[in-house]
């Protein structure tokens, strides 16, 4: 979660909720956070006259480590999470639109 450090953590998540064509949620079972829950909501949308789907993310997490964790969240973690999900949105658009590059 601190991108300039070469430290990596194993991250195991389990899908804990699933409703077809609506949403699914996963929760961290092992990883860098004290707790981490991520829900993916699927919304019908039309763009340029074409029907499609918008994926929205809702994340609830706790880094842990008290004040030190809050400092890390402010300095690194929040920005890293935003960058990660922005990348994922771009990758989804590219993959699902049929563009490979």
PDB file of N, CA and C in Angstrom:
ATOM      1  N   UNK A   1       0.806  -1.196   0.000  1.00  0.00           N
ATOM      2  CA  UNK A   1       0.000   0.000   0.000  1.00  0.00           C
ATOM      3  C   UNK A   1       0.852   1.263   0.000  1.00  0.00           C
ATOM      4  N   UNK A   2       2.135   1.124   0.221  1.00  0.00           N
ATOM      5  CA  UNK A   2       3.044   2.260   0.102  1.00  0.00           C
ATOM      6  C   UNK A   2       3.887   1.981  -1.134  1.00  0.00           C
ATOM      7  N   UNK A   3       3.542   2.631  -2.261  1.00  0.00           N
ATOM      8  CA  UNK A   3       4.062   2.213  -3.560  1.00  0.00           C
ATOM      9  C   UNK A   3       5.572   2.265  -3.726  1.00  0.00           C
ATOM     10  N   UNK A   4       6.274   3.142  -3.029  1.00  0.00           N
ATOM     11  CA  UNK A   4       7.717   3.243  -3.250  1.00  0.00           C
ATOM     12  C   UNK A   4       8.511   2.237  -2.426  1.00  0.00           C
ATOM     13  N   UNK A   5       7.853   1.480  -1.566  1.00  0.00           N
ATOM     14  CA  UNK A   5       8.538   0.438  -0.802  1.00  0.00           C
ATOM     15  C   UNK A   5       8.334  -0.909  -1.486  1.00  0.00           C
ATOM     16  N   UNK A   6       9.367  -1.742  -1.544  1.00  0.00           N
ATOM     17  CA  UNK A   6       9.243  -3.038  -2.218  1.00  0.00           C
ATOM     18  C   UNK A   6       8.617  -4.114  -1.321  1.00  0.00           C
ATOM     19  N   UNK A   7       7.653  -3.729  -0.514  1.00  0.00           N
ATOM     20  CA  UNK A   7       6.996  -4.667   0.396  1.00  0.00           C
ATOM     21  C   UNK A   7       5.658  -5.067  -0.212  1.00  0.00           C
ATOM     22  N   UNK A   8       5.422  -6.359  -0.313  1.00  0.00           N
ATOM     23  CA  UNK A   8       4.163  -6.855  -0.843  1.00  0.00           C
ATOM     24  C   UNK A   8       3.511  -7.731   0.211  1.00  0.00           C
ATOM     25  N   UNK A   9       2.191  -7.723   0.237  1.00  0.00           N
ATOM     26  CA  UNK A   9       1.462  -8.526   1.213  1.00  0.00           C
ATOM     27  C   UNK A   9       0.528  -9.490   0.474  1.00  0.00           C
ATOM     28  N   UNK A  10       0.406 -10.684   0.985  1.00  0.00           N
ATOM     29  CA  UNK A  10      -0.561 -11.629   0.445  1.00  0.00           C
ATOM     30  C   UNK A  10      -1.949 -11.100   0.770  1.00  0.00           C
ATOM     31  N   UNK A  11      -2.855 -11.174  -0.199  1.00  0.00           N
ATOM     32  CA  UNK A  11      -4.196 -10.659   0.007  1.00  0.00           C
ATOM     33  C   UNK A  11      -5.184 -11.723  -0.446  1.00  0.00           C
ATOM     34  N   UNK A  12      -5.974 -12.210   0.475  1.00  0.00           N
ATOM     35  CA  UNK A  12      -6.992 -13.215   0.179  1.00  0.00           C
ATOM     36  C   UNK A  12      -8.344 -12.602   0.499  1.00  0.00           C
ATOM     37  N   UNK A  13      -9.253 -12.629  -0.483  1.00  0.00           N
ATOM     38  CA  UNK A  13     -10.596 -12.093  -0.295  1.00  0.00           C
ATOM     39  C   UNK A  13     -11.612 -13.180  -0.613  1.00  0.00           C
ATOM     40  N   UNK A  14     -12.759 -13.071   0.027  1.00  0.00           N
ATOM     41  CA  UNK A  14     -13.837 -14.037  -0.153  1.00  0.00           C
ATOM     42  C   UNK A  14     -15.092 -13.278  -0.553  1.00  0.00           C
ATOM     43  N   UNK A  15     -15.773 -13.742  -1.598  1.00  0.00           N
ATOM     44  CA  UNK A  15     -17.046 -13.124  -1.980  1.00  0.00           C
ATOM     45  C   UNK A  15     -18.080 -13.530  -0.934  1.00  0.00           C
ATOM     46  N   UNK A  16     -18.663 -12.533  -0.277  1.00  0.00           N
ATOM     47  CA  UNK A  16     -19.588 -12.784   0.826  1.00  0.00           C
ATOM     48  C   UNK A  16     -21.036 -12.434   0.488  1.00  0.00           C
ATOM     49  N   UNK A  17     -21.247 -11.709  -0.614  1.00  0.00           N
ATOM     50  CA  UNK A  17     -22.593 -11.353  -1.070  1.00  0.00           C
ATOM     51  C   UNK A  17     -22.611 -11.406  -2.583  1.00  0.00           C
ATOM     52  N   UNK A  18     -23.733 -11.861  -3.139  1.00  0.00           N
ATOM     53  CA  UNK A  18     -23.866 -11.893  -4.585  1.00  0.00           C
ATOM     54  C   UNK A  18     -25.347 -11.826  -4.940  1.00  0.00           C
ATOM     55  N   UNK A  19     -25.714 -10.852  -5.748  1.00  0.00           N
ATOM     56  CA  UNK A  19     -27.059 -10.775  -6.306  1.00  0.00           C
ATOM     57  C   UNK A  19     -26.896 -10.554  -7.809  1.00  0.00           C
ATOM     58  N   UNK A  20     -27.371 -11.509  -8.600  1.00  0.00           N
ATOM     59  CA  UNK A  20     -27.197 -11.493 -10.039  1.00  0.00           C
ATOM     60  C   UNK A  20     -27.643 -10.161 -10.638  1.00  0.00           C
ATOM     61  N   UNK A  21     -26.823  -9.602 -11.513  1.00  0.00           N
ATOM     62  CA  UNK A  21     -27.094  -8.350 -12.218  1.00  0.00           C
ATOM     63  C   UNK A  21     -27.324  -7.156 -11.292  1.00  0.00           C
ATOM     64  N   UNK A  22     -26.861  -7.233 -10.060  1.00  0.00           N
ATOM     65  CA  UNK A  22     -27.033  -6.117  -9.128  1.00  0.00           C
ATOM     66  C   UNK A  22     -25.722  -5.755  -8.437  1.00  0.00           C
ATOM     67  N   UNK A  23     -25.153  -6.715  -7.688  1.00  0.00           N
ATOM     68  CA  UNK A  23     -23.919  -6.412  -6.967  1.00  0.00           C
ATOM     69  C   UNK A  23     -23.256  -7.687  -6.462  1.00  0.00           C
ATOM     70  N   UNK A  24     -21.988  -7.540  -6.085  1.00  0.00           N
ATOM     71  CA  UNK A  24     -21.326  -8.556  -5.284  1.00  0.00           C
ATOM     72  C   UNK A  24     -20.317  -7.857  -4.391  1.00  0.00           C
ATOM     73  N   UNK A  25     -20.064  -8.463  -3.244  1.00  0.00           N
ATOM     74  CA  UNK A  25     -19.157  -7.888  -2.253  1.00  0.00           C
ATOM     75  C   UNK A  25     -18.114  -8.922  -1.875  1.00  0.00           C
ATOM     76  N   UNK A  26     -16.900  -8.442  -1.653  1.00  0.00           N
ATOM     77  CA  UNK A  26     -15.848  -9.322  -1.165  1.00  0.00           C
ATOM     78  C   UNK A  26     -15.247  -8.714   0.092  1.00  0.00           C
ATOM     79  N   UNK A  27     -14.768  -9.578   0.953  1.00  0.00           N
ATOM     80  CA  UNK A  27     -14.147  -9.156   2.207  1.00  0.00           C
ATOM     81  C   UNK A  27     -12.778  -9.788   2.343  1.00  0.00           C
ATOM     82  N   UNK A  28     -11.850  -9.001   2.842  1.00  0.00           N
ATOM     83  CA  UNK A  28     -10.501  -9.492   3.076  1.00  0.00           C
ATOM     84  C   UNK A  28     -10.535 -10.542   4.185  1.00  0.00           C
ATOM     85  N   UNK A  29      -9.928 -11.683   3.910  1.00  0.00           N
ATOM     86  CA  UNK A  29      -9.754 -12.712   4.933  1.00  0.00           C
ATOM     87  C   UNK A  29      -8.326 -12.706   5.449  1.00  0.00           C
ATOM     88  N   UNK A  30      -7.398 -12.316   4.559  1.00  0.00           N
ATOM     89  CA  UNK A  30      -5.997 -12.170   4.950  1.00  0.00           C
ATOM     90  C   UNK A  30      -5.411 -11.070   4.081  1.00  0.00           C
ATOM     91  N   UNK A  31      -4.739 -10.121   4.699  1.00  0.00           N
ATOM     92  CA  UNK A  31      -4.159  -9.052   3.903  1.00  0.00           C
ATOM     93  C   UNK A  31      -3.623  -7.917   4.741  1.00  0.00           C
ATOM     94  N   UNK A  32      -3.344  -6.801   4.076  1.00  0.00           N
ATOM     95  CA  UNK A  32      -2.647  -5.697   4.732  1.00  0.00           C
ATOM     96  C   UNK A  32      -3.517  -4.828   5.636  1.00  0.00           C
ATOM     97  N   UNK A  33      -4.834  -4.977   5.569  1.00  0.00           N
ATOM     98  CA  UNK A  33      -5.723  -4.136   6.353  1.00  0.00           C
ATOM     99  C   UNK A  33      -6.251  -4.878   7.574  1.00  0.00           C
ATOM    100  N   UNK A  34      -6.657  -4.121   8.574  1.00  0.00           N
ATOM    101  CA  UNK A  34      -7.343  -4.725   9.713  1.00  0.00           C
ATOM    102  C   UNK A  34      -8.672  -5.302   9.226  1.00  0.00           C
ATOM    103  N   UNK A  35      -9.368  -4.534   8.363  1.00  0.00           N
ATOM    104  CA  UNK A  35     -10.585  -5.017   7.705  1.00  0.00           C
ATOM    105  C   UNK A  35     -10.724  -4.310   6.367  1.00  0.00           C
ATOM    106  N   UNK A  36     -11.354  -4.992   5.400  1.00  0.00           N
ATOM    107  CA  UNK A  36     -11.529  -4.422   4.067  1.00  0.00           C
ATOM    108  C   UNK A  36     -12.736  -5.097   3.429  1.00  0.00           C
ATOM    109  N   UNK A  37     -13.744  -4.308   3.085  1.00  0.00           N
ATOM    110  CA  UNK A  37     -14.954  -4.810   2.411  1.00  0.00           C
ATOM    111  C   UNK A  37     -15.160  -3.966   1.165  1.00  0.00           C
ATOM    112  N   UNK A  38     -15.370  -4.629   0.043  1.00  0.00           N
ATOM    113  CA  UNK A  38     -15.478  -3.962  -1.254  1.00  0.00           C
ATOM    114  C   UNK A  38     -16.713  -4.490  -1.970  1.00  0.00           C
ATOM    115  N   UNK A  39     -17.639  -3.576  -2.275  1.00  0.00           N
ATOM    116  CA  UNK A  39     -18.846  -3.958  -3.016  1.00  0.00           C
ATOM    117  C   UNK A  39     -18.794  -3.359  -4.416  1.00  0.00           C
ATOM    118  N   UNK A  40     -19.139  -4.166  -5.388  1.00  0.00           N
ATOM    119  CA  UNK A  40     -19.202  -3.773  -6.792  1.00  0.00           C
ATOM    120  C   UNK A  40     -20.686  -3.710  -7.152  1.00  0.00           C
ATOM    121  N   UNK A  41     -21.182  -2.537  -7.473  1.00  0.00           N
ATOM    122  CA  UNK A  41     -22.589  -2.374  -7.836  1.00  0.00           C
ATOM    123  C   UNK A  41     -22.671  -2.214  -9.349  1.00  0.00           C
ATOM    124  N   UNK A  42     -23.592  -2.941  -9.980  1.00  0.00           N
ATOM    125  CA  UNK A  42     -23.775  -2.912 -11.429  1.00  0.00           C
ATOM    126  C   UNK A  42     -25.047  -2.132 -11.739  1.00  0.00           C
ATOM    127  N   UNK A  43     -24.899  -1.071 -12.541  1.00  0.00           N
ATOM    128  CA  UNK A  43     -26.032  -0.202 -12.851  1.00  0.00           C
ATOM    129  C   UNK A  43     -26.228  -0.136 -14.361  1.00  0.00           C
ATOM    130  N   UNK A  44     -27.474  -0.320 -14.807  1.00  0.00           N
ATOM    131  CA  UNK A  44     -27.774  -0.178 -16.227  1.00  0.00           C
ATOM    132  C   UNK A  44     -27.595   1.288 -16.609  1.00  0.00           C
ATOM    133  N   UNK A  45     -26.998   1.517 -17.787  1.00  0.00           N
ATOM    134  CA  UNK A  45     -26.762   2.884 -18.249  1.00  0.00           C
ATOM    135  C   UNK A  45     -26.768   2.912 -19.770  1.00  0.00           C
ATOM    136  N   UNK A  46     -27.006   4.089 -20.319  1.00  0.00           N
ATOM    137  CA  UNK A  46     -26.943   4.280 -21.764  1.00  0.00           C
ATOM    138  C   UNK A  46     -25.887   5.343 -22.037  1.00  0.00           C
ATOM    139  N   UNK A  47     -25.002   5.062 -22.979  1.00  0.00           N
ATOM    140  CA  UNK A  47     -23.944   6.007 -23.355  1.00  0.00           C
ATOM    141  C   UNK A  47     -23.897   6.088 -24.873  1.00  0.00           C
ATOM    142  N   UNK A  48     -24.025   7.280 -25.406  1.00  0.00           N
ATOM    143  CA  UNK A  48     -24.062   7.487 -26.856  1.00  0.00           C
ATOM    144  C   UNK A  48     -25.138   6.622 -27.518  1.00  0.00           C
ATOM    145  N   UNK A  49     -26.271   6.497 -26.836  1.00  0.00           N
ATOM    146  CA  UNK A  49     -27.387   5.741 -27.383  1.00  0.00           C
ATOM    147  C   UNK A  49     -27.250   4.232 -27.300  1.00  0.00           C
ATOM    148  N   UNK A  50     -26.196   3.752 -26.654  1.00  0.00           N
ATOM    149  CA  UNK A  50     -25.975   2.305 -26.540  1.00  0.00           C
ATOM    150  C   UNK A  50     -26.176   1.868 -25.100  1.00  0.00           C
ATOM    151  N   UNK A  51     -26.941   0.795 -24.892  1.00  0.00           N
ATOM    152  CA  UNK A  51     -27.133   0.307 -23.520  1.00  0.00           C
ATOM    153  C   UNK A  51     -25.864  -0.360 -22.996  1.00  0.00           C
ATOM    154  N   UNK A  52     -25.653  -0.251 -21.710  1.00  0.00           N
ATOM    155  CA  UNK A  52     -24.482  -0.863 -21.112  1.00  0.00           C
ATOM    156  C   UNK A  52     -24.616  -0.934 -19.600  1.00  0.00           C
ATOM    157  N   UNK A  53     -23.491  -1.080 -18.955  1.00  0.00           N
ATOM    158  CA  UNK A  53     -23.443  -1.233 -17.511  1.00  0.00           C
ATOM    159  C   UNK A  53     -22.346  -0.352 -16.937  1.00  0.00           C
ATOM    160  N   UNK A  54     -22.655   0.295 -15.827  1.00  0.00           N
ATOM    161  CA  UNK A  54     -21.670   1.067 -15.074  1.00  0.00           C
ATOM    162  C   UNK A  54     -21.353   0.267 -13.819  1.00  0.00           C
ATOM    163  N   UNK A  55     -20.066   0.141 -13.501  1.00  0.00           N
ATOM    164  CA  UNK A  55     -19.648  -0.545 -12.275  1.00  0.00           C
ATOM    165  C   UNK A  55     -19.247   0.523 -11.262  1.00  0.00           C
ATOM    166  N   UNK A  56     -19.892   0.521 -10.107  1.00  0.00           N
ATOM    167  CA  UNK A  56     -19.572   1.455  -9.025  1.00  0.00           C
ATOM    168  C   UNK A  56     -18.975   0.671  -7.862  1.00  0.00           C
ATOM    169  N   UNK A  57     -17.987   1.261  -7.234  1.00  0.00           N
ATOM    170  CA  UNK A  57     -17.314   0.612  -6.109  1.00  0.00           C
ATOM    171  C   UNK A  57     -17.649   1.330  -4.816  1.00  0.00           C
ATOM    172  N   UNK A  58     -17.865   0.555  -3.771  1.00  0.00           N
ATOM    173  CA  UNK A  58     -18.004   1.095  -2.417  1.00  0.00           C
ATOM    174  C   UNK A  58     -17.029   0.313  -1.544  1.00  0.00           C
ATOM    175  N   UNK A  59     -16.176   1.042  -0.846  1.00  0.00           N
ATOM    176  CA  UNK A  59     -15.137   0.401  -0.050  1.00  0.00           C
ATOM    177  C   UNK A  59     -15.246   0.875   1.391  1.00  0.00           C
ATOM    178  N   UNK A  60     -15.189  -0.067   2.305  1.00  0.00           N
ATOM    179  CA  UNK A  60     -15.159   0.239   3.731  1.00  0.00           C
ATOM    180  C   UNK A  60     -13.943  -0.502   4.292  1.00  0.00           C
ATOM    181  N   UNK A  61     -13.010   0.250   4.860  1.00  0.00           N
ATOM    182  CA  UNK A  61     -11.788  -0.395   5.338  1.00  0.00           C
ATOM    183  C   UNK A  61     -11.273   0.276   6.598  1.00  0.00           C
ATOM    184  N   UNK A  62     -10.450  -0.467   7.306  1.00  0.00           N
ATOM    185  CA  UNK A  62      -9.762   0.029   8.493  1.00  0.00           C
ATOM    186  C   UNK A  62      -8.323  -0.459   8.389  1.00  0.00           C
ATOM    187  N   UNK A  63      -7.399   0.474   8.391  1.00  0.00           N
ATOM    188  CA  UNK A  63      -5.990   0.109   8.285  1.00  0.00           C
ATOM    189  C   UNK A  63      -5.502  -0.530   9.572  1.00  0.00           C
ATOM    190  N   UNK A  64      -6.026  -0.064  10.693  1.00  0.00           N
ATOM    191  CA  UNK A  64      -5.510  -0.498  11.985  1.00  0.00           C
ATOM    192  C   UNK A  64      -4.333   0.385  12.386  1.00  0.00           C
ATOM    193  N   UNK A  65      -3.610   0.006  13.369  1.00  0.00           N
ATOM    194  CA  UNK A  65      -2.400   0.692  13.842  1.00  0.00           C
ATOM    195  C   UNK A  65      -2.658   2.086  14.419  1.00  0.00           C
ATOM    196  N   UNK A  66      -3.893   2.372  14.822  1.00  0.00           N
ATOM    197  CA  UNK A  66      -4.193   3.617  15.522  1.00  0.00           C
ATOM    198  C   UNK A  66      -3.790   4.868  14.765  1.00  0.00           C
ATOM    199  N   UNK A  67      -3.121   5.785  15.467  1.00  0.00           N
ATOM    200  CA  UNK A  67      -2.722   7.061  14.878  1.00  0.00           C
ATOM    201  C   UNK A  67      -1.757   6.852  13.716  1.00  0.00           C
ATOM    202  N   UNK A  68      -0.854   5.902  13.838  1.00  0.00           N
ATOM    203  CA  UNK A  68       0.089   5.608  12.758  1.00  0.00           C
ATOM    204  C   UNK A  68      -0.663   5.191  11.491  1.00  0.00           C
ATOM    205  N   UNK A  69      -1.708   4.397  11.648  1.00  0.00           N
ATOM    206  CA  UNK A  69      -2.528   3.991  10.510  1.00  0.00           C
ATOM    207  C   UNK A  69      -3.242   5.167   9.870  1.00  0.00           C
ATOM    208  N   UNK A  70      -3.732   6.091  10.683  1.00  0.00           N
ATOM    209  CA  UNK A  70      -4.387   7.291  10.144  1.00  0.00           C
ATOM    210  C   UNK A  70      -3.416   8.154   9.353  1.00  0.00           C
ATOM    211  N   UNK A  71      -2.189   8.261   9.840  1.00  0.00           N
ATOM    212  CA  UNK A  71      -1.163   9.014   9.116  1.00  0.00           C
ATOM    213  C   UNK A  71      -0.863   8.335   7.781  1.00  0.00           C
ATOM    214  N   UNK A  72      -0.688   7.017   7.800  1.00  0.00           N
ATOM    215  CA  UNK A  72      -0.421   6.269   6.564  1.00  0.00           C
ATOM    216  C   UNK A  72      -1.585   6.416   5.589  1.00  0.00           C
ATOM    217  N   UNK A  73      -2.806   6.379   6.095  1.00  0.00           N
ATOM    218  CA  UNK A  73      -3.975   6.537   5.223  1.00  0.00           C
ATOM    219  C   UNK A  73      -3.948   7.901   4.541  1.00  0.00           C
ATOM    220  N   UNK A  74      -3.663   8.934   5.304  1.00  0.00           N
ATOM    221  CA  UNK A  74      -3.639  10.291   4.760  1.00  0.00           C
ATOM    222  C   UNK A  74      -2.510  10.473   3.757  1.00  0.00           C
ATOM    223  N   UNK A  75      -1.342   9.949   4.073  1.00  0.00           N
ATOM    224  CA  UNK A  75      -0.175  10.183   3.223  1.00  0.00           C
ATOM    225  C   UNK A  75      -0.091   9.267   2.003  1.00  0.00           C
ATOM    226  N   UNK A  76      -0.542   8.015   2.125  1.00  0.00           N
ATOM    227  CA  UNK A  76      -0.292   7.034   1.072  1.00  0.00           C
ATOM    228  C   UNK A  76      -1.510   6.225   0.645  1.00  0.00           C
ATOM    229  N   UNK A  77      -2.184   5.620   1.599  1.00  0.00           N
ATOM    230  CA  UNK A  77      -3.151   4.568   1.298  1.00  0.00           C
ATOM    231  C   UNK A  77      -4.343   5.083   0.502  1.00  0.00           C
ATOM    232  N   UNK A  78      -4.918   6.199   0.918  1.00  0.00           N
ATOM    233  CA  UNK A  78      -6.095   6.707   0.211  1.00  0.00           C
ATOM    234  C   UNK A  78      -5.772   6.999  -1.259  1.00  0.00           C
ATOM    235  N   UNK A  79      -4.646   7.643  -1.526  1.00  0.00           N
ATOM    236  CA  UNK A  79      -4.255   7.946  -2.908  1.00  0.00           C
ATOM    237  C   UNK A  79      -4.002   6.653  -3.692  1.00  0.00           C
ATOM    238  N   UNK A  80      -3.346   5.685  -3.064  1.00  0.00           N
ATOM    239  CA  UNK A  80      -3.069   4.416  -3.742  1.00  0.00           C
ATOM    240  C   UNK A  80      -4.362   3.686  -4.098  1.00  0.00           C
ATOM    241  N   UNK A  81      -5.332   3.684  -3.187  1.00  0.00           N
ATOM    242  CA  UNK A  81      -6.620   3.044  -3.477  1.00  0.00           C
ATOM    243  C   UNK A  81      -7.328   3.754  -4.630  1.00  0.00           C
ATOM    244  N   UNK A  82      -7.338   5.081  -4.617  1.00  0.00           N
ATOM    245  CA  UNK A  82      -7.961   5.833  -5.716  1.00  0.00           C
ATOM    246  C   UNK A  82      -7.291   5.501  -7.045  1.00  0.00           C
ATOM    247  N   UNK A  83      -5.968   5.455  -7.065  1.00  0.00           N
ATOM    248  CA  UNK A  83      -5.237   5.126  -8.292  1.00  0.00           C
ATOM    249  C   UNK A  83      -5.532   3.702  -8.758  1.00  0.00           C
ATOM    250  N   UNK A  84      -5.593   2.776  -7.814  1.00  0.00           N
ATOM    251  CA  UNK A  84      -5.878   1.375  -8.146  1.00  0.00           C
ATOM    252  C   UNK A  84      -7.247   1.245  -8.796  1.00  0.00           C
ATOM    253  N   UNK A  85      -8.263   1.881  -8.215  1.00  0.00           N
ATOM    254  CA  UNK A  85      -9.609   1.750  -8.763  1.00  0.00           C
ATOM    255  C   UNK A  85      -9.796   2.563 -10.040  1.00  0.00           C
ATOM    256  N   UNK A  86      -9.093   3.666 -10.189  1.00  0.00           N
ATOM    257  CA  UNK A  86      -9.127   4.417 -11.452  1.00  0.00           C
ATOM    258  C   UNK A  86      -8.527   3.563 -12.567  1.00  0.00           C
ATOM    259  N   UNK A  87      -7.421   2.882 -12.273  1.00  0.00           N
ATOM    260  CA  UNK A  87      -6.813   1.979 -13.253  1.00  0.00           C
ATOM    261  C   UNK A  87      -7.777   0.853 -13.617  1.00  0.00           C
ATOM    262  N   UNK A  88      -8.415   0.284 -12.616  1.00  0.00           N
ATOM    263  CA  UNK A  88      -9.350  -0.822 -12.867  1.00  0.00           C
ATOM    264  C   UNK A  88     -10.515  -0.365 -13.743  1.00  0.00           C
ATOM    265  N   UNK A  89     -11.023   0.841 -13.512  1.00  0.00           N
ATOM    266  CA  UNK A  89     -12.115   1.356 -14.344  1.00  0.00           C
ATOM    267  C   UNK A  89     -11.652   1.494 -15.803  1.00  0.00           C
ATOM    268  N   UNK A  90     -10.450   2.018 -16.015  1.00  0.00           N
ATOM    269  CA  UNK A  90      -9.924   2.148 -17.379  1.00  0.00           C
ATOM    270  C   UNK A  90      -9.728   0.773 -18.021  1.00  0.00           C
ATOM    271  N   UNK A  91      -9.210  -0.175 -17.243  1.00  0.00           N
ATOM    272  CA  UNK A  91      -8.978  -1.528 -17.760  1.00  0.00           C
ATOM    273  C   UNK A  91     -10.305  -2.208 -18.109  1.00  0.00           C
ATOM    274  N   UNK A  92     -11.316  -2.047 -17.272  1.00  0.00           N
ATOM    275  CA  UNK A  92     -12.638  -2.621 -17.563  1.00  0.00           C
ATOM    276  C   UNK A  92     -13.191  -2.053 -18.862  1.00  0.00           C
ATOM    277  N   UNK A  93     -13.115  -0.744 -19.006  1.00  0.00           N
ATOM    278  CA  UNK A  93     -13.617  -0.103 -20.221  1.00  0.00           C
ATOM    279  C   UNK A  93     -12.898  -0.650 -21.450  1.00  0.00           C
ATOM    280  N   UNK A  94     -11.575  -0.742 -21.365  1.00  0.00           N
ATOM    281  CA  UNK A  94     -10.786  -1.242 -22.490  1.00  0.00           C
ATOM    282  C   UNK A  94     -11.142  -2.708 -22.794  1.00  0.00           C
ATOM    283  N   UNK A  95     -11.182  -3.542 -21.782  1.00  0.00           N
ATOM    284  CA  UNK A  95     -11.448  -4.969 -21.987  1.00  0.00           C
ATOM    285  C   UNK A  95     -12.868  -5.231 -22.498  1.00  0.00           C
ATOM    286  N   UNK A  96     -13.824  -4.550 -21.924  1.00  0.00           N
ATOM    287  CA  UNK A  96     -15.215  -4.809 -22.285  1.00  0.00           C
ATOM    288  C   UNK A  96     -15.634  -4.120 -23.583  1.00  0.00           C
ATOM    289  N   UNK A  97     -14.879  -3.153 -24.036  1.00  0.00           N
ATOM    290  CA  UNK A  97     -15.203  -2.485 -25.301  1.00  0.00           C
ATOM    291  C   UNK A  97     -14.585  -3.216 -26.489  1.00  0.00           C
ATOM    292  N   UNK A  98     -13.736  -4.204 -26.203  1.00  0.00           N
ATOM    293  CA  UNK A  98     -13.115  -4.968 -27.274  1.00  0.00           C
ATOM    294  C   UNK A  98     -11.788  -4.385 -27.734  1.00  0.00           C
ATOM    295  N   UNK A  99     -11.369  -3.258 -27.142  1.00  0.00           N
ATOM    296  CA  UNK A  99     -10.080  -2.680 -27.492  1.00  0.00           C
ATOM    297  C   UNK A  99      -8.994  -3.394 -26.712  1.00  0.00           C
ATOM    298  N   UNK A 100      -7.902  -3.731 -27.364  1.00  0.00           N
ATOM    299  CA  UNK A 100      -6.840  -4.495 -26.707  1.00  0.00           C
ATOM    300  C   UNK A 100      -5.705  -3.619 -26.197  1.00  0.00           C
ATOM    301  N   UNK A 101      -5.443  -2.508 -26.786  1.00  0.00           N
ATOM    302  CA  UNK A 101      -4.266  -1.697 -26.420  1.00  0.00           C
ATOM    303  C   UNK A 101      -4.456  -0.938 -25.135  1.00  0.00           C
TER     304      UNK A 101
END
